């Protein structure tokens, strides 16, 4: 059994990993429900596609978020490892629960530059905290994390390239 075939339950459910992941999910939920969604802004990656589908076809963001992340989590499972895929799956599920139970609030600002600044800050903070916890919150970040492991580029540089 190779290293990536083993599930490291101790690292998945270690206190630092759980706290970083939960803080990342909370930050991303905050960014989406307080800044981006109430002001009509979108995120990149699978989350952005889910927001677009909601706006165009009224498909719940949480449904498309889960469905469209499945192939990326599978790639993460095959290319990065089982523990990573399990952590990422759990993080995405917790994110969808957060988006389900935390309604879209009246935003603290409607100023587009502030919405982009604060929304982007809290999305980025959430992504960074989740990565620190050993997972990602969006399928495109799975590809970025895998590419980071195979190239000289950081995960954040690859995510920025995708979003650009």
C-alpha atoms as a PDB file:
ATOM      1  CA  UNK A   1       0.000   0.000   0.000  1.00  0.00           C
ATOM      2  CA  UNK A   2       1.575   3.292  -1.063  1.00  0.00           C
ATOM      3  CA  UNK A   3       1.507   6.409   1.091  1.00  0.00           C
ATOM      4  CA  UNK A   4      -1.334   8.000  -0.910  1.00  0.00           C
ATOM      5  CA  UNK A   5      -3.413   4.791  -0.551  1.00  0.00           C
ATOM      6  CA  UNK A   6      -3.507   5.019   3.245  1.00  0.00           C
ATOM      7  CA  UNK A   7      -6.083   7.112   5.028  1.00  0.00           C
ATOM      8  CA  UNK A   8      -4.490   9.111   7.807  1.00  0.00           C
ATOM      9  CA  UNK A   9      -7.475   9.532  10.114  1.00  0.00           C
ATOM     10  CA  UNK A  10      -5.231  11.141  12.723  1.00  0.00           C
ATOM     11  CA  UNK A  11      -4.344  14.038  10.410  1.00  0.00           C
ATOM     12  CA  UNK A  12      -7.879  14.380   9.030  1.00  0.00           C
ATOM     13  CA  UNK A  13      -9.404  14.769  12.471  1.00  0.00           C
ATOM     14  CA  UNK A  14      -6.480  16.391  14.280  1.00  0.00           C
ATOM     15  CA  UNK A  15      -7.489  19.498  16.195  1.00  0.00           C
ATOM     16  CA  UNK A  16      -5.377  21.907  14.097  1.00  0.00           C
ATOM     17  CA  UNK A  17      -6.660  20.417  10.825  1.00  0.00           C
ATOM     18  CA  UNK A  18     -10.299  20.599  11.940  1.00  0.00           C
ATOM     19  CA  UNK A  19      -9.909  24.152  13.289  1.00  0.00           C
ATOM     20  CA  UNK A  20      -8.165  25.455  10.150  1.00  0.00           C
ATOM     21  CA  UNK A  21     -10.752  23.794   7.910  1.00  0.00           C
ATOM     22  CA  UNK A  22     -13.716  25.084   9.927  1.00  0.00           C
ATOM     23  CA  UNK A  23     -12.230  28.582  10.036  1.00  0.00           C
ATOM     24  CA  UNK A  24     -11.725  28.427   6.256  1.00  0.00           C
ATOM     25  CA  UNK A  25     -15.302  27.304   5.660  1.00  0.00           C
ATOM     26  CA  UNK A  26     -16.622  30.005   7.997  1.00  0.00           C
ATOM     27  CA  UNK A  27     -14.571  32.687   6.218  1.00  0.00           C
ATOM     28  CA  UNK A  28     -15.773  31.584   2.791  1.00  0.00           C
ATOM     29  CA  UNK A  29     -19.386  31.369   3.977  1.00  0.00           C
ATOM     30  CA  UNK A  30     -19.067  34.869   5.440  1.00  0.00           C
ATOM     31  CA  UNK A  31     -17.627  36.243   2.194  1.00  0.00           C
ATOM     32  CA  UNK A  32     -20.367  34.702   0.086  1.00  0.00           C
ATOM     33  CA  UNK A  33     -23.359  35.530   2.309  1.00  0.00           C
ATOM     34  CA  UNK A  34     -22.306  39.013   3.457  1.00  0.00           C
ATOM     35  CA  UNK A  35     -20.484  40.427   0.449  1.00  0.00           C
ATOM     36  CA  UNK A  36     -20.557  38.565  -2.856  1.00  0.00           C
ATOM     37  CA  UNK A  37     -24.065  37.094  -3.188  1.00  0.00           C
ATOM     38  CA  UNK A  38     -26.055  40.112  -1.935  1.00  0.00           C
ATOM     39  CA  UNK A  39     -24.164  42.355  -4.369  1.00  0.00           C
ATOM     40  CA  UNK A  40     -24.323  40.114  -7.433  1.00  0.00           C
ATOM     41  CA  UNK A  41     -20.591  39.276  -7.426  1.00  0.00           C
ATOM     42  CA  UNK A  42     -19.285  35.825  -8.274  1.00  0.00           C
ATOM     43  CA  UNK A  43     -16.274  33.806  -7.216  1.00  0.00           C
ATOM     44  CA  UNK A  44     -14.049  31.765  -9.500  1.00  0.00           C
ATOM     45  CA  UNK A  45     -13.986  28.033 -10.001  1.00  0.00           C
ATOM     46  CA  UNK A  46     -16.816  25.661  -9.186  1.00  0.00           C
ATOM     47  CA  UNK A  47     -18.290  28.140  -6.708  1.00  0.00           C
ATOM     48  CA  UNK A  48     -18.536  30.789  -9.426  1.00  0.00           C
ATOM     49  CA  UNK A  49     -20.146  28.359 -11.861  1.00  0.00           C
ATOM     50  CA  UNK A  50     -22.623  27.385  -9.127  1.00  0.00           C
ATOM     51  CA  UNK A  51     -23.501  31.047  -8.546  1.00  0.00           C
ATOM     52  CA  UNK A  52     -23.987  31.597 -12.291  1.00  0.00           C
ATOM     53  CA  UNK A  53     -26.269  28.552 -12.555  1.00  0.00           C
ATOM     54  CA  UNK A  54     -28.300  29.842  -9.640  1.00  0.00           C
ATOM     55  CA  UNK A  55     -28.671  33.268 -11.270  1.00  0.00           C
ATOM     56  CA  UNK A  56     -29.596  31.867 -14.688  1.00  0.00           C
ATOM     57  CA  UNK A  57     -31.586  28.724 -13.874  1.00  0.00           C
ATOM     58  CA  UNK A  58     -32.350  28.972 -10.129  1.00  0.00           C
ATOM     59  CA  UNK A  59     -30.462  25.755  -9.402  1.00  0.00           C
ATOM     60  CA  UNK A  60     -29.526  25.950  -5.710  1.00  0.00           C
ATOM     61  CA  UNK A  61     -25.873  26.854  -5.256  1.00  0.00           C
ATOM     62  CA  UNK A  62     -25.426  24.044  -2.741  1.00  0.00           C
ATOM     63  CA  UNK A  63     -26.635  21.386  -5.201  1.00  0.00           C
ATOM     64  CA  UNK A  64     -24.354  22.392  -8.058  1.00  0.00           C
ATOM     65  CA  UNK A  65     -21.483  23.008  -5.618  1.00  0.00           C
ATOM     66  CA  UNK A  66     -21.615  19.385  -4.500  1.00  0.00           C
ATOM     67  CA  UNK A  67     -22.305  17.868  -7.928  1.00  0.00           C
ATOM     68  CA  UNK A  68     -19.631  19.802  -9.827  1.00  0.00           C
ATOM     69  CA  UNK A  69     -17.003  19.174  -7.163  1.00  0.00           C
ATOM     70  CA  UNK A  70     -17.377  15.375  -7.387  1.00  0.00           C
ATOM     71  CA  UNK A  71     -15.107  14.927 -10.446  1.00  0.00           C
ATOM     72  CA  UNK A  72     -12.460  17.187  -8.930  1.00  0.00           C
ATOM     73  CA  UNK A  73     -12.535  15.349  -5.603  1.00  0.00           C
ATOM     74  CA  UNK A  74     -12.166  12.102  -7.547  1.00  0.00           C
ATOM     75  CA  UNK A  75      -9.077  13.518  -9.279  1.00  0.00           C
ATOM     76  CA  UNK A  76      -7.771  14.564  -5.854  1.00  0.00           C
ATOM     77  CA  UNK A  77      -8.432  11.050  -4.582  1.00  0.00           C
ATOM     78  CA  UNK A  78      -6.500   9.492  -7.467  1.00  0.00           C
ATOM     79  CA  UNK A  79      -3.650  12.007  -7.767  1.00  0.00           C
ATOM     80  CA  UNK A  80      -3.165  13.445  -4.258  1.00  0.00           C
ATOM     81  CA  UNK A  81      -4.517  10.852  -1.860  1.00  0.00           C
ATOM     82  CA  UNK A  82      -7.443   9.449   0.059  1.00  0.00           C
ATOM     83  CA  UNK A  83      -6.968  11.615   3.136  1.00  0.00           C
ATOM     84  CA  UNK A  84      -6.972  14.784   1.020  1.00  0.00           C
ATOM     85  CA  UNK A  85     -10.130  13.661  -0.818  1.00  0.00           C
ATOM     86  CA  UNK A  86     -11.944  12.813   2.421  1.00  0.00           C
ATOM     87  CA  UNK A  87     -10.988  16.140   4.027  1.00  0.00           C
ATOM     88  CA  UNK A  88     -12.013  18.063   0.905  1.00  0.00           C
ATOM     89  CA  UNK A  89     -15.340  16.217   0.698  1.00  0.00           C
ATOM     90  CA  UNK A  90     -16.091  16.966   4.347  1.00  0.00           C
ATOM     91  CA  UNK A  91     -15.109  20.633   3.900  1.00  0.00           C
ATOM     92  CA  UNK A  92     -17.369  21.027   0.854  1.00  0.00           C
ATOM     93  CA  UNK A  93     -20.256  19.399   2.731  1.00  0.00           C
ATOM     94  CA  UNK A  94     -19.746  21.726   5.698  1.00  0.00           C
ATOM     95  CA  UNK A  95     -19.587  24.690   3.279  1.00  0.00           C
ATOM     96  CA  UNK A  96     -22.911  23.691   1.723  1.00  0.00           C
ATOM     97  CA  UNK A  97     -24.434  23.314   5.199  1.00  0.00           C
ATOM     98  CA  UNK A  98     -23.150  26.792   6.065  1.00  0.00           C
ATOM     99  CA  UNK A  99     -24.616  28.254   2.880  1.00  0.00           C
ATOM    100  CA  UNK A 100     -27.911  26.495   3.594  1.00  0.00           C
ATOM    101  CA  UNK A 101     -28.299  27.696   7.170  1.00  0.00           C
ATOM    102  CA  UNK A 102     -26.710  31.149   6.969  1.00  0.00           C
ATOM    103  CA  UNK A 103     -28.990  33.295   4.861  1.00  0.00           C
ATOM    104  CA  UNK A 104     -27.736  35.986   2.524  1.00  0.00           C
ATOM    105  CA  UNK A 105     -27.544  39.049   4.739  1.00  0.00           C
ATOM    106  CA  UNK A 106     -27.984  42.710   4.023  1.00  0.00           C
ATOM    107  CA  UNK A 107     -24.467  43.595   3.059  1.00  0.00           C
ATOM    108  CA  UNK A 108     -22.443  46.041   5.161  1.00  0.00           C
ATOM    109  CA  UNK A 109     -21.593  47.927   1.960  1.00  0.00           C
ATOM    110  CA  UNK A 110     -22.840  48.221  -1.585  1.00  0.00           C
ATOM    111  CA  UNK A 111     -19.704  50.016  -2.792  1.00  0.00           C
ATOM    112  CA  UNK A 112     -18.349  47.659  -5.524  1.00  0.00           C
ATOM    113  CA  UNK A 113     -14.670  48.173  -4.713  1.00  0.00           C
ATOM    114  CA  UNK A 114     -15.262  47.423  -1.020  1.00  0.00           C
ATOM    115  CA  UNK A 115     -17.410  44.393  -1.852  1.00  0.00           C
ATOM    116  CA  UNK A 116     -14.640  43.051  -4.112  1.00  0.00           C
ATOM    117  CA  UNK A 117     -11.947  43.872  -1.541  1.00  0.00           C
ATOM    118  CA  UNK A 118     -13.661  42.358   1.497  1.00  0.00           C
ATOM    119  CA  UNK A 119     -15.282  39.495  -0.399  1.00  0.00           C
ATOM    120  CA  UNK A 120     -11.968  38.621  -2.034  1.00  0.00           C
ATOM    121  CA  UNK A 121     -10.114  38.929   1.262  1.00  0.00           C
ATOM    122  CA  UNK A 122     -12.441  36.555   3.110  1.00  0.00           C
ATOM    123  CA  UNK A 123     -12.610  34.096   0.193  1.00  0.00           C
ATOM    124  CA  UNK A 124      -8.806  34.083   0.006  1.00  0.00           C
ATOM    125  CA  UNK A 125      -8.508  33.728   3.775  1.00  0.00           C
ATOM    126  CA  UNK A 126     -10.914  30.802   3.673  1.00  0.00           C
ATOM    127  CA  UNK A 127      -9.007  29.086   0.889  1.00  0.00           C
ATOM    128  CA  UNK A 128      -5.696  29.607   2.679  1.00  0.00           C
ATOM    129  CA  UNK A 129      -7.000  28.313   5.999  1.00  0.00           C
ATOM    130  CA  UNK A 130      -8.514  25.253   4.327  1.00  0.00           C
ATOM    131  CA  UNK A 131      -5.237  24.493   2.541  1.00  0.00           C
ATOM    132  CA  UNK A 132      -3.426  24.877   5.873  1.00  0.00           C
ATOM    133  CA  UNK A 133      -5.943  22.360   7.265  1.00  0.00           C
ATOM    134  CA  UNK A 134      -5.070  19.879   4.512  1.00  0.00           C
ATOM    135  CA  UNK A 135      -7.970  20.292   2.079  1.00  0.00           C
ATOM    136  CA  UNK A 136      -9.515  22.702  -0.411  1.00  0.00           C
ATOM    137  CA  UNK A 137     -12.984  24.259  -0.742  1.00  0.00           C
ATOM    138  CA  UNK A 138     -13.405  24.300  -4.512  1.00  0.00           C
ATOM    139  CA  UNK A 139     -12.716  21.751  -7.228  1.00  0.00           C
ATOM    140  CA  UNK A 140     -10.458  24.080  -9.184  1.00  0.00           C
ATOM    141  CA  UNK A 141      -8.222  24.284  -6.117  1.00  0.00           C
ATOM    142  CA  UNK A 142      -7.788  20.492  -6.298  1.00  0.00           C
ATOM    143  CA  UNK A 143      -6.243  20.934  -9.740  1.00  0.00           C
ATOM    144  CA  UNK A 144      -4.178  23.865  -8.449  1.00  0.00           C
ATOM    145  CA  UNK A 145      -2.950  21.854  -5.452  1.00  0.00           C
ATOM    146  CA  UNK A 146      -2.002  18.910  -7.653  1.00  0.00           C
ATOM    147  CA  UNK A 147      -0.285  21.198 -10.167  1.00  0.00           C
ATOM    148  CA  UNK A 148       1.574  22.901  -7.297  1.00  0.00           C
ATOM    149  CA  UNK A 149       2.927  19.526  -6.192  1.00  0.00           C
ATOM    150  CA  UNK A 150       4.195  18.856  -9.737  1.00  0.00           C
ATOM    151  CA  UNK A 151       5.470  22.343 -10.654  1.00  0.00           C
ATOM    152  CA  UNK A 152       7.340  25.272  -9.187  1.00  0.00           C
ATOM    153  CA  UNK A 153       4.213  27.412  -8.885  1.00  0.00           C
ATOM    154  CA  UNK A 154       2.388  27.976  -5.606  1.00  0.00           C
ATOM    155  CA  UNK A 155      -1.243  26.927  -5.239  1.00  0.00           C
ATOM    156  CA  UNK A 156      -2.275  30.586  -4.950  1.00  0.00           C
ATOM    157  CA  UNK A 157      -0.452  31.461  -8.198  1.00  0.00           C
ATOM    158  CA  UNK A 158      -2.218  28.646 -10.009  1.00  0.00           C
ATOM    159  CA  UNK A 159      -5.639  29.642  -8.588  1.00  0.00           C
ATOM    160  CA  UNK A 160      -4.978  33.234  -9.674  1.00  0.00           C
ATOM    161  CA  UNK A 161      -4.112  32.006 -13.184  1.00  0.00           C
ATOM    162  CA  UNK A 162      -7.378  29.974 -13.373  1.00  0.00           C
ATOM    163  CA  UNK A 163      -9.442  32.910 -12.127  1.00  0.00           C
ATOM    164  CA  UNK A 164      -7.782  35.316 -14.530  1.00  0.00           C
END
